Amino acid sequence: MGASFKDLLVWQKAIQLCSETYHLTASFPPSEQFGLTNQMRRASVSIASNIAEGYGRSTKGEYVLFLGHARGSNCELQTQLIIARNLSLCGGQAVEPAERYSAEISRMLNSLMSKLRA
């Protein structure tokens, strides 16, 4: 492992996804401020946060557990991106970067978890 969680490519991608999510939800209507906007932002923050927290834990098992939490938050965000698209809160092109980051992070988390379990 690197010297810091900040060296992890999956954490770096999660930070990019969080930024994309904030930019995307900034265009949502004010009526969604305490609804989908808040939920999506919290889920995106949770992904990077859980990767970092797991990295800082004492055991490999705890690390895998927190990576699982990050994966769950990523699935939550993927669901919310679909809902936002279906409700026409954002256009297809606007949501695509977040969807791409999320799919990539999913693959990376699954790979990292498999390696840590081996």
N, C-alpha and C. Protein backbone atom coordinates (compact mmCIF):
# COMPACT_ATOMS: atom_id res chain seq x y z
N MET A 1 0.83 -1.19 0.00
CA MET A 1 0.00 0.00 0.00
C MET A 1 0.88 1.25 0.00
N GLY A 2 0.28 2.34 -0.44
CA GLY A 2 1.00 3.59 -0.46
C GLY A 2 1.12 4.18 0.94
N ALA A 3 1.71 5.33 0.99
CA ALA A 3 1.93 6.00 2.27
C ALA A 3 0.64 6.61 2.83
N SER A 4 -0.35 6.79 1.96
CA SER A 4 -1.59 7.46 2.37
C SER A 4 -2.75 6.97 1.51
N PHE A 5 -3.94 7.07 2.05
CA PHE A 5 -5.13 6.76 1.25
C PHE A 5 -5.23 7.66 0.04
N LYS A 6 -4.61 8.83 0.12
CA LYS A 6 -4.64 9.77 -1.01
C LYS A 6 -3.87 9.24 -2.22
N ASP A 7 -3.02 8.23 -2.00
CA ASP A 7 -2.28 7.61 -3.09
C ASP A 7 -3.13 6.59 -3.86
N LEU A 8 -4.26 6.19 -3.30
CA LEU A 8 -5.10 5.19 -3.93
C LEU A 8 -5.87 5.79 -5.12
N LEU A 9 -5.74 5.16 -6.26
CA LEU A 9 -6.43 5.65 -7.46
C LEU A 9 -7.95 5.61 -7.27
N VAL A 10 -8.44 4.60 -6.58
CA VAL A 10 -9.89 4.49 -6.36
C VAL A 10 -10.38 5.65 -5.49
N TRP A 11 -9.60 6.08 -4.52
CA TRP A 11 -9.99 7.23 -3.70
C TRP A 11 -9.98 8.50 -4.55
N GLN A 12 -8.95 8.66 -5.39
CA GLN A 12 -8.86 9.83 -6.27
C GLN A 12 -10.06 9.90 -7.22
N LYS A 13 -10.44 8.75 -7.77
CA LYS A 13 -11.62 8.69 -8.65
C LYS A 13 -12.89 9.02 -7.87
N ALA A 14 -12.97 8.56 -6.62
CA ALA A 14 -14.14 8.85 -5.79
C ALA A 14 -14.25 10.35 -5.51
N ILE A 15 -13.12 11.01 -5.33
CA ILE A 15 -13.14 12.46 -5.15
C ILE A 15 -13.64 13.15 -6.42
N GLN A 16 -13.20 12.65 -7.58
CA GLN A 16 -13.68 13.21 -8.85
C GLN A 16 -15.18 13.00 -9.01
N LEU A 17 -15.65 11.80 -8.62
CA LEU A 17 -17.08 11.51 -8.69
C LEU A 17 -17.86 12.46 -7.78
N CYS A 18 -17.33 12.72 -6.61
CA CYS A 18 -17.99 13.64 -5.69
C CYS A 18 -18.10 15.04 -6.30
N SER A 19 -17.04 15.50 -6.90
CA SER A 19 -17.07 16.81 -7.56
C SER A 19 -18.09 16.83 -8.69
N GLU A 20 -18.11 15.77 -9.51
CA GLU A 20 -19.09 15.66 -10.59
C GLU A 20 -20.52 15.70 -10.05
N THR A 21 -20.73 15.01 -8.94
CA THR A 21 -22.06 14.95 -8.35
C THR A 21 -22.49 16.33 -7.85
N TYR A 22 -21.58 17.05 -7.23
CA TYR A 22 -21.92 18.40 -6.76
C TYR A 22 -22.23 19.32 -7.93
N HIS A 23 -21.44 19.22 -9.00
CA HIS A 23 -21.71 20.06 -10.18
C HIS A 23 -23.05 19.70 -10.82
N LEU A 24 -23.32 18.41 -10.91
CA LEU A 24 -24.57 17.94 -11.51
C LEU A 24 -25.77 18.41 -10.71
N THR A 25 -25.73 18.23 -9.41
CA THR A 25 -26.89 18.57 -8.57
C THR A 25 -27.07 20.08 -8.39
N ALA A 26 -26.06 20.85 -8.71
CA ALA A 26 -26.19 22.31 -8.61
C ALA A 26 -27.27 22.83 -9.56
N SER A 27 -27.55 22.08 -10.62
CA SER A 27 -28.55 22.51 -11.60
C SER A 27 -29.95 21.97 -11.28
N PHE A 28 -30.08 21.17 -10.22
CA PHE A 28 -31.39 20.64 -9.85
C PHE A 28 -32.27 21.77 -9.31
N PRO A 29 -33.57 21.61 -9.41
CA PRO A 29 -34.47 22.67 -8.92
C PRO A 29 -34.37 22.81 -7.39
N PRO A 30 -34.65 24.01 -6.90
CA PRO A 30 -34.59 24.25 -5.45
C PRO A 30 -35.47 23.29 -4.64
N SER A 31 -36.54 22.81 -5.25
CA SER A 31 -37.43 21.89 -4.53
C SER A 31 -36.74 20.57 -4.19
N GLU A 32 -35.62 20.28 -4.84
CA GLU A 32 -34.87 19.04 -4.58
C GLU A 32 -33.70 19.25 -3.62
N GLN A 33 -33.53 20.46 -3.12
CA GLN A 33 -32.39 20.75 -2.25
C GLN A 33 -32.31 19.81 -1.06
N PHE A 34 -33.43 19.50 -0.45
CA PHE A 34 -33.43 18.63 0.73
C PHE A 34 -33.87 17.21 0.38
N GLY A 35 -34.00 16.94 -0.90
CA GLY A 35 -34.40 15.62 -1.36
C GLY A 35 -33.24 14.94 -2.07
N LEU A 36 -33.41 14.77 -3.36
CA LEU A 36 -32.43 14.02 -4.14
C LEU A 36 -31.05 14.69 -4.17
N THR A 37 -31.01 16.00 -4.21
CA THR A 37 -29.71 16.70 -4.20
C THR A 37 -28.92 16.32 -2.96
N ASN A 38 -29.53 16.41 -1.81
CA ASN A 38 -28.87 16.09 -0.55
C ASN A 38 -28.45 14.62 -0.51
N GLN A 39 -29.35 13.73 -0.92
CA GLN A 39 -29.06 12.30 -0.89
C GLN A 39 -27.87 11.95 -1.79
N MET A 40 -27.86 12.51 -2.99
CA MET A 40 -26.79 12.22 -3.94
C MET A 40 -25.45 12.75 -3.44
N ARG A 41 -25.47 13.93 -2.89
CA ARG A 41 -24.22 14.51 -2.38
C ARG A 41 -23.68 13.70 -1.20
N ARG A 42 -24.57 13.30 -0.31
CA ARG A 42 -24.15 12.51 0.85
C ARG A 42 -23.58 11.16 0.42
N ALA A 43 -24.24 10.51 -0.54
CA ALA A 43 -23.75 9.22 -1.03
C ALA A 43 -22.37 9.36 -1.68
N SER A 44 -22.19 10.42 -2.47
CA SER A 44 -20.90 10.59 -3.15
C SER A 44 -19.78 10.90 -2.15
N VAL A 45 -20.07 11.67 -1.14
CA VAL A 45 -19.08 11.95 -0.10
C VAL A 45 -18.74 10.68 0.67
N SER A 46 -19.75 9.86 0.89
CA SER A 46 -19.57 8.62 1.65
C SER A 46 -18.62 7.65 0.96
N ILE A 47 -18.61 7.63 -0.35
CA ILE A 47 -17.74 6.70 -1.08
C ILE A 47 -16.28 6.97 -0.73
N ALA A 48 -15.83 8.19 -0.98
CA ALA A 48 -14.43 8.54 -0.70
C ALA A 48 -14.13 8.46 0.79
N SER A 49 -15.07 8.86 1.61
CA SER A 49 -14.85 8.85 3.06
C SER A 49 -14.66 7.44 3.60
N ASN A 50 -15.45 6.50 3.12
CA ASN A 50 -15.32 5.12 3.59
C ASN A 50 -14.03 4.47 3.09
N ILE A 51 -13.60 4.81 1.89
CA ILE A 51 -12.31 4.30 1.41
C ILE A 51 -11.20 4.79 2.34
N ALA A 52 -11.23 6.07 2.66
CA ALA A 52 -10.21 6.66 3.53
C ALA A 52 -10.28 6.07 4.94
N GLU A 53 -11.50 5.96 5.48
CA GLU A 53 -11.62 5.44 6.84
C GLU A 53 -11.15 3.99 6.92
N GLY A 54 -11.50 3.19 5.94
CA GLY A 54 -11.06 1.80 5.93
C GLY A 54 -9.56 1.67 5.86
N TYR A 55 -8.96 2.53 5.06
CA TYR A 55 -7.50 2.53 4.93
C TYR A 55 -6.84 2.80 6.28
N GLY A 56 -7.47 3.64 7.07
CA GLY A 56 -6.90 4.02 8.36
C GLY A 56 -7.19 3.05 9.49
N ARG A 57 -7.96 2.02 9.22
CA ARG A 57 -8.29 1.05 10.26
C ARG A 57 -7.13 0.10 10.54
N SER A 58 -7.24 -0.63 11.62
CA SER A 58 -6.13 -1.46 12.12
C SER A 58 -5.94 -2.77 11.38
N THR A 59 -7.04 -3.35 10.88
CA THR A 59 -6.91 -4.68 10.28
C THR A 59 -7.39 -4.69 8.84
N LYS A 60 -6.94 -5.70 8.12
CA LYS A 60 -7.34 -5.88 6.74
C LYS A 60 -8.86 -6.14 6.66
N GLY A 61 -9.39 -6.89 7.64
CA GLY A 61 -10.82 -7.16 7.67
C GLY A 61 -11.65 -5.90 7.80
N GLU A 62 -11.19 -4.99 8.66
CA GLU A 62 -11.90 -3.71 8.81
C GLU A 62 -11.83 -2.90 7.52
N TYR A 63 -10.68 -2.94 6.88
CA TYR A 63 -10.51 -2.23 5.62
C TYR A 63 -11.51 -2.74 4.59
N VAL A 64 -11.61 -4.05 4.46
CA VAL A 64 -12.56 -4.65 3.50
C VAL A 64 -14.00 -4.26 3.86
N LEU A 65 -14.31 -4.25 5.15
CA LEU A 65 -15.64 -3.85 5.59
C LEU A 65 -15.98 -2.44 5.12
N PHE A 66 -15.06 -1.51 5.30
CA PHE A 66 -15.31 -0.13 4.89
C PHE A 66 -15.33 0.03 3.38
N LEU A 67 -14.56 -0.79 2.68
CA LEU A 67 -14.64 -0.78 1.21
C LEU A 67 -16.03 -1.26 0.79
N GLY A 68 -16.58 -2.21 1.55
CA GLY A 68 -17.94 -2.66 1.28
C GLY A 68 -18.96 -1.54 1.51
N HIS A 69 -18.74 -0.74 2.53
CA HIS A 69 -19.61 0.43 2.75
C HIS A 69 -19.50 1.40 1.58
N ALA A 70 -18.27 1.61 1.10
CA ALA A 70 -18.07 2.50 -0.05
C ALA A 70 -18.79 1.95 -1.28
N ARG A 71 -18.72 0.64 -1.47
CA ARG A 71 -19.39 0.01 -2.61
C ARG A 71 -20.90 0.20 -2.48
N GLY A 72 -21.44 0.05 -1.27
CA GLY A 72 -22.86 0.26 -1.06
C GLY A 72 -23.29 1.69 -1.36
N SER A 73 -22.48 2.65 -0.93
CA SER A 73 -22.78 4.06 -1.22
C SER A 73 -22.71 4.33 -2.71
N ASN A 74 -21.80 3.67 -3.39
CA ASN A 74 -21.68 3.84 -4.83
C ASN A 74 -22.93 3.28 -5.53
N CYS A 75 -23.42 2.13 -5.07
CA CYS A 75 -24.66 1.57 -5.63
C CYS A 75 -25.84 2.50 -5.37
N GLU A 76 -25.85 3.10 -4.18
CA GLU A 76 -26.90 4.06 -3.84
C GLU A 76 -26.86 5.24 -4.81
N LEU A 77 -25.67 5.76 -5.07
CA LEU A 77 -25.53 6.89 -5.99
C LEU A 77 -25.93 6.48 -7.41
N GLN A 78 -25.57 5.29 -7.84
CA GLN A 78 -25.96 4.83 -9.18
C GLN A 78 -27.48 4.83 -9.31
N THR A 79 -28.17 4.37 -8.28
CA THR A 79 -29.63 4.36 -8.27
C THR A 79 -30.18 5.78 -8.35
N GLN A 80 -29.60 6.68 -7.60
CA GLN A 80 -30.06 8.07 -7.59
C GLN A 80 -29.79 8.77 -8.91
N LEU A 81 -28.70 8.41 -9.58
CA LEU A 81 -28.44 8.97 -10.91
C LEU A 81 -29.51 8.54 -11.90
N ILE A 82 -29.94 7.29 -11.80
CA ILE A 82 -31.01 6.79 -12.67
C ILE A 82 -32.31 7.53 -12.37
N ILE A 83 -32.60 7.71 -11.10
CA ILE A 83 -33.82 8.43 -10.71
C ILE A 83 -33.78 9.86 -11.23
N ALA A 84 -32.65 10.53 -11.07
CA ALA A 84 -32.52 11.92 -11.54
C ALA A 84 -32.73 12.00 -13.05
N ARG A 85 -32.18 11.04 -13.77
CA ARG A 85 -32.35 11.02 -15.23
C ARG A 85 -33.83 10.77 -15.56
N ASN A 86 -34.46 9.79 -14.89
CA ASN A 86 -35.86 9.46 -15.17
C ASN A 86 -36.80 10.61 -14.86
N LEU A 87 -36.46 11.42 -13.87
CA LEU A 87 -37.29 12.57 -13.50
C LEU A 87 -36.95 13.81 -14.33
N SER A 88 -36.03 13.65 -15.28
CA SER A 88 -35.58 14.74 -16.14
C SER A 88 -34.98 15.91 -15.36
N LEU A 89 -34.32 15.57 -14.25
CA LEU A 89 -33.63 16.60 -13.48
C LEU A 89 -32.30 16.95 -14.12
N CYS A 90 -31.84 16.07 -15.00
CA CYS A 90 -30.59 16.30 -15.72
C CYS A 90 -30.67 15.56 -17.04
N GLY A 91 -29.96 16.10 -18.03
CA GLY A 91 -29.94 15.45 -19.33
C GLY A 91 -28.96 14.29 -19.34
N GLY A 92 -29.10 13.46 -20.34
CA GLY A 92 -28.23 12.30 -20.47
C GLY A 92 -26.76 12.64 -20.51
N GLN A 93 -26.41 13.66 -21.27
CA GLN A 93 -25.00 14.05 -21.36
C GLN A 93 -24.47 14.58 -20.04
N ALA A 94 -25.33 15.25 -19.29
CA ALA A 94 -24.89 15.83 -18.01
C ALA A 94 -24.58 14.75 -16.99
N VAL A 95 -25.33 13.65 -17.01
CA VAL A 95 -25.17 12.61 -16.01
C VAL A 95 -24.09 11.59 -16.39
N GLU A 96 -23.72 11.53 -17.65
CA GLU A 96 -22.78 10.51 -18.12
C GLU A 96 -21.42 10.51 -17.42
N PRO A 97 -20.78 11.65 -17.17
CA PRO A 97 -19.49 11.60 -16.48
C PRO A 97 -19.59 10.95 -15.09
N ALA A 98 -20.62 11.28 -14.34
CA ALA A 98 -20.80 10.69 -13.02
C ALA A 98 -21.05 9.19 -13.15
N GLU A 99 -21.84 8.78 -14.13
CA GLU A 99 -22.10 7.36 -14.34
C GLU A 99 -20.83 6.60 -14.70
N ARG A 100 -19.99 7.20 -15.52
CA ARG A 100 -18.72 6.56 -15.90
C ARG A 100 -17.79 6.42 -14.69
N TYR A 101 -17.65 7.49 -13.92
CA TYR A 101 -16.82 7.41 -12.71
C TYR A 101 -17.35 6.33 -11.77
N SER A 102 -18.65 6.31 -11.59
CA SER A 102 -19.25 5.36 -10.66
C SER A 102 -19.02 3.92 -11.11
N ALA A 103 -19.16 3.66 -12.39
CA ALA A 103 -18.92 2.30 -12.92
C ALA A 103 -17.46 1.90 -12.74
N GLU A 104 -16.56 2.84 -13.00
CA GLU A 104 -15.13 2.55 -12.83
C GLU A 104 -14.79 2.30 -11.36
N ILE A 105 -15.34 3.10 -10.48
CA ILE A 105 -15.10 2.92 -9.04
C ILE A 105 -15.64 1.57 -8.58
N SER A 106 -16.77 1.17 -9.10
CA SER A 106 -17.33 -0.13 -8.75
C SER A 106 -16.36 -1.26 -9.10
N ARG A 107 -15.82 -1.22 -10.30
CA ARG A 107 -14.85 -2.24 -10.72
C ARG A 107 -13.60 -2.19 -9.84
N MET A 108 -13.13 -1.00 -9.54
CA MET A 108 -11.92 -0.84 -8.73
C MET A 108 -12.12 -1.34 -7.31
N LEU A 109 -13.27 -1.02 -6.72
CA LEU A 109 -13.55 -1.49 -5.36
C LEU A 109 -13.64 -3.01 -5.31
N ASN A 110 -14.34 -3.60 -6.29
CA ASN A 110 -14.44 -5.05 -6.33
C ASN A 110 -13.08 -5.70 -6.45
N SER A 111 -12.22 -5.14 -7.27
CA SER A 111 -10.87 -5.68 -7.46
C SER A 111 -10.04 -5.55 -6.19
N LEU A 112 -10.09 -4.38 -5.58
CA LEU A 112 -9.32 -4.15 -4.34
C LEU A 112 -9.80 -5.08 -3.24
N MET A 113 -11.10 -5.23 -3.11
CA MET A 113 -11.63 -6.11 -2.08
C MET A 113 -11.20 -7.56 -2.31
N SER A 114 -11.22 -7.99 -3.54
CA SER A 114 -10.78 -9.36 -3.87
C SER A 114 -9.32 -9.57 -3.53
N LYS A 115 -8.49 -8.58 -3.85
CA LYS A 115 -7.06 -8.69 -3.55
C LYS A 115 -6.80 -8.73 -2.04
N LEU A 116 -7.53 -7.93 -1.29
CA LEU A 116 -7.34 -7.90 0.15
C LEU A 116 -7.83 -9.18 0.82
N ARG A 117 -8.84 -9.80 0.24
CA ARG A 117 -9.37 -11.05 0.80
C ARG A 117 -8.48 -12.26 0.50
N ALA A 118 -7.69 -12.16 -0.58
CA ALA A 118 -6.85 -13.30 -1.00
C ALA A 118 -5.70 -13.54 -0.05
